[in-house]
């Protein structure tokens, strides 16, 4: 039911890597095709449990940062080795896969032009200023760093 789906999506960052990957894939499947009900339920969860919302936002940000760091390291190794296999490894690594899943999830959160959720991804008014995470800016930074490392 909707409550369990919302809880899975909110609990995504609390899991081990294997469970995290499965939870991200499940959340993506729930949102594909524009599921406004799941978007609204997710936003409601973020508003009612600030601690969990903060953890979720920071975890997504951490996954993106880790993916960028790993991509930069692999690009450096590619430049040293000059082999096509090293270049291909950049997008096959675990952190890069998780980063792509996070990007897809964020994309689906923004579909349907559900403005309240889009705004929440930029600014969390129910968080203290020091705890806010602008996932839009983090996503732009992630893409920029992966493409131009």
Protein backbone atom coordinates (compact mmCIF):
# COMPACT_ATOMS: atom_id res chain seq x y z
CA UNK A 1 0.00 0.00 0.00
CA UNK A 2 0.98 3.67 -0.22
CA UNK A 3 2.26 3.88 3.36
CA UNK A 4 4.72 1.03 2.87
CA UNK A 5 5.93 2.43 -0.45
CA UNK A 6 6.57 5.80 1.18
CA UNK A 7 8.45 4.16 4.04
CA UNK A 8 10.68 2.23 1.62
CA UNK A 9 11.58 5.43 -0.21
CA UNK A 10 12.30 7.33 2.98
CA UNK A 11 14.35 4.45 4.40
CA UNK A 12 16.53 4.22 1.27
CA UNK A 13 19.61 5.86 2.79
CA UNK A 14 19.44 3.77 5.97
CA UNK A 15 20.25 0.51 4.19
CA UNK A 16 23.38 -1.43 3.31
CA UNK A 17 24.66 -1.02 -0.25
CA UNK A 18 22.82 -4.07 -1.62
CA UNK A 19 19.54 -3.15 0.04
CA UNK A 20 20.09 0.49 -0.90
CA UNK A 21 20.41 -0.43 -4.58
CA UNK A 22 17.22 -2.53 -4.42
CA UNK A 23 15.35 0.25 -2.60
CA UNK A 24 16.46 2.86 -5.14
CA UNK A 25 15.36 0.62 -8.01
CA UNK A 26 12.01 0.02 -6.28
CA UNK A 27 11.47 3.74 -5.72
CA UNK A 28 12.32 4.41 -9.35
CA UNK A 29 9.80 1.81 -10.50
CA UNK A 30 7.15 3.39 -8.26
CA UNK A 31 7.74 6.82 -9.72
CA UNK A 32 8.16 5.91 -13.40
CA UNK A 33 5.26 7.09 -15.46
CA UNK A 34 4.63 10.02 -13.14
CA UNK A 35 3.18 8.81 -9.84
CA UNK A 36 1.98 12.02 -8.23
CA UNK A 37 0.53 10.12 -5.27
CA UNK A 38 3.94 8.72 -4.32
CA UNK A 39 5.50 12.17 -4.79
CA UNK A 40 2.93 13.70 -2.43
CA UNK A 41 3.34 10.89 0.12
CA UNK A 42 7.12 11.25 0.05
CA UNK A 43 6.88 15.01 0.56
CA UNK A 44 4.46 14.52 3.47
CA UNK A 45 6.97 12.14 5.09
CA UNK A 46 9.73 14.69 4.64
CA UNK A 47 7.60 17.36 6.34
CA UNK A 48 6.55 15.21 9.29
CA UNK A 49 9.89 13.61 10.19
CA UNK A 50 12.64 16.21 9.94
CA UNK A 51 15.34 13.86 11.27
CA UNK A 52 14.63 11.22 8.66
CA UNK A 53 14.27 13.86 5.95
CA UNK A 54 17.62 15.36 6.88
CA UNK A 55 19.23 11.94 6.79
CA UNK A 56 17.67 11.19 3.41
CA UNK A 57 18.83 14.47 1.84
CA UNK A 58 22.35 14.17 3.20
CA UNK A 59 22.62 10.53 2.17
CA UNK A 60 21.65 11.26 -1.43
CA UNK A 61 24.20 14.09 -1.41
CA UNK A 62 26.88 11.78 0.00
CA UNK A 63 26.23 9.16 -2.69
CA UNK A 64 26.62 11.81 -5.39
CA UNK A 65 29.86 13.10 -3.84
CA UNK A 66 31.28 9.58 -3.54
CA UNK A 67 30.43 8.89 -7.18
CA UNK A 68 32.19 12.09 -8.27
CA UNK A 69 35.29 11.24 -6.23
CA UNK A 70 35.39 7.74 -7.66
CA UNK A 71 34.91 9.02 -11.22
CA UNK A 72 37.75 11.50 -10.73
CA UNK A 73 40.05 8.76 -9.45
CA UNK A 74 39.15 6.48 -12.35
CA UNK A 75 39.69 9.28 -14.86
CA UNK A 76 43.14 9.83 -13.40
CA UNK A 77 43.92 6.12 -13.74
CA UNK A 78 42.64 6.21 -17.32
CA UNK A 79 44.98 9.09 -18.16
CA UNK A 80 47.87 7.11 -16.70
CA UNK A 81 47.04 3.86 -18.48
CA UNK A 82 45.43 5.24 -21.68
CA UNK A 83 43.35 2.07 -22.10
CA UNK A 84 39.71 2.02 -23.25
CA UNK A 85 38.93 -0.55 -20.55
CA UNK A 86 39.87 1.98 -17.88
CA UNK A 87 37.51 4.53 -19.40
CA UNK A 88 34.67 2.02 -19.55
CA UNK A 89 35.20 1.14 -15.89
CA UNK A 90 34.25 4.68 -14.84
CA UNK A 91 30.52 4.08 -15.38
CA UNK A 92 30.58 0.46 -14.26
CA UNK A 93 31.79 1.07 -10.73
CA UNK A 94 29.52 0.65 -7.74
CA UNK A 95 29.56 4.31 -6.70
CA UNK A 96 28.86 5.46 -10.25
CA UNK A 97 25.90 3.09 -10.52
CA UNK A 98 24.52 4.36 -7.23
CA UNK A 99 25.06 7.94 -8.40
CA UNK A 100 23.10 7.23 -11.58
CA UNK A 101 20.28 5.66 -9.57
CA UNK A 102 20.15 8.75 -7.35
CA UNK A 103 20.05 10.99 -10.41
CA UNK A 104 17.17 8.96 -11.87
CA UNK A 105 15.29 9.14 -8.56
CA UNK A 106 15.75 12.91 -8.40
CA UNK A 107 14.59 13.20 -12.00
CA UNK A 108 11.43 11.26 -11.21
CA UNK A 109 10.80 13.38 -8.12
CA UNK A 110 10.72 16.41 -10.41
CA UNK A 111 8.41 14.95 -13.03
CA UNK A 112 4.75 16.03 -13.21
CA UNK A 113 5.97 19.49 -12.27
CA UNK A 114 4.90 18.89 -8.66
CA UNK A 115 6.33 22.17 -7.49
CA UNK A 116 6.23 21.55 -3.70
CA UNK A 117 8.55 18.54 -4.02
CA UNK A 118 10.85 20.36 -6.44
CA UNK A 119 11.09 23.24 -3.99
CA UNK A 120 11.79 20.84 -1.13
CA UNK A 121 14.72 19.35 -3.08
CA UNK A 122 16.20 22.86 -3.28
CA UNK A 123 15.35 24.22 0.17
CA UNK A 124 14.01 22.46 3.24
CA UNK A 125 12.21 25.21 5.18
CA UNK A 126 11.59 22.91 8.13
CA UNK A 127 15.37 22.32 8.55
CA UNK A 128 17.80 24.58 10.34
CA UNK A 129 19.82 26.57 7.82
CA UNK A 130 22.97 24.56 8.57
CA UNK A 131 21.17 21.29 7.82
CA UNK A 132 19.69 22.27 4.45
CA UNK A 133 20.86 20.48 1.31
CA UNK A 134 20.24 21.87 -2.17
CA UNK A 135 20.03 18.64 -4.15
CA UNK A 136 19.51 20.58 -7.39
CA UNK A 137 22.86 22.32 -6.96
CA UNK A 138 24.49 19.06 -5.83
CA UNK A 139 23.17 17.32 -8.94
CA UNK A 140 24.53 20.04 -11.22
CA UNK A 141 27.88 19.78 -9.44
CA UNK A 142 27.84 15.99 -9.80
CA UNK A 143 27.15 16.12 -13.54
CA UNK A 144 29.70 18.88 -14.06
CA UNK A 145 32.42 17.01 -12.20
CA UNK A 146 31.75 13.67 -13.88
CA UNK A 147 31.73 15.20 -17.35
CA UNK A 148 34.64 17.60 -16.91
CA UNK A 149 36.98 15.80 -14.52
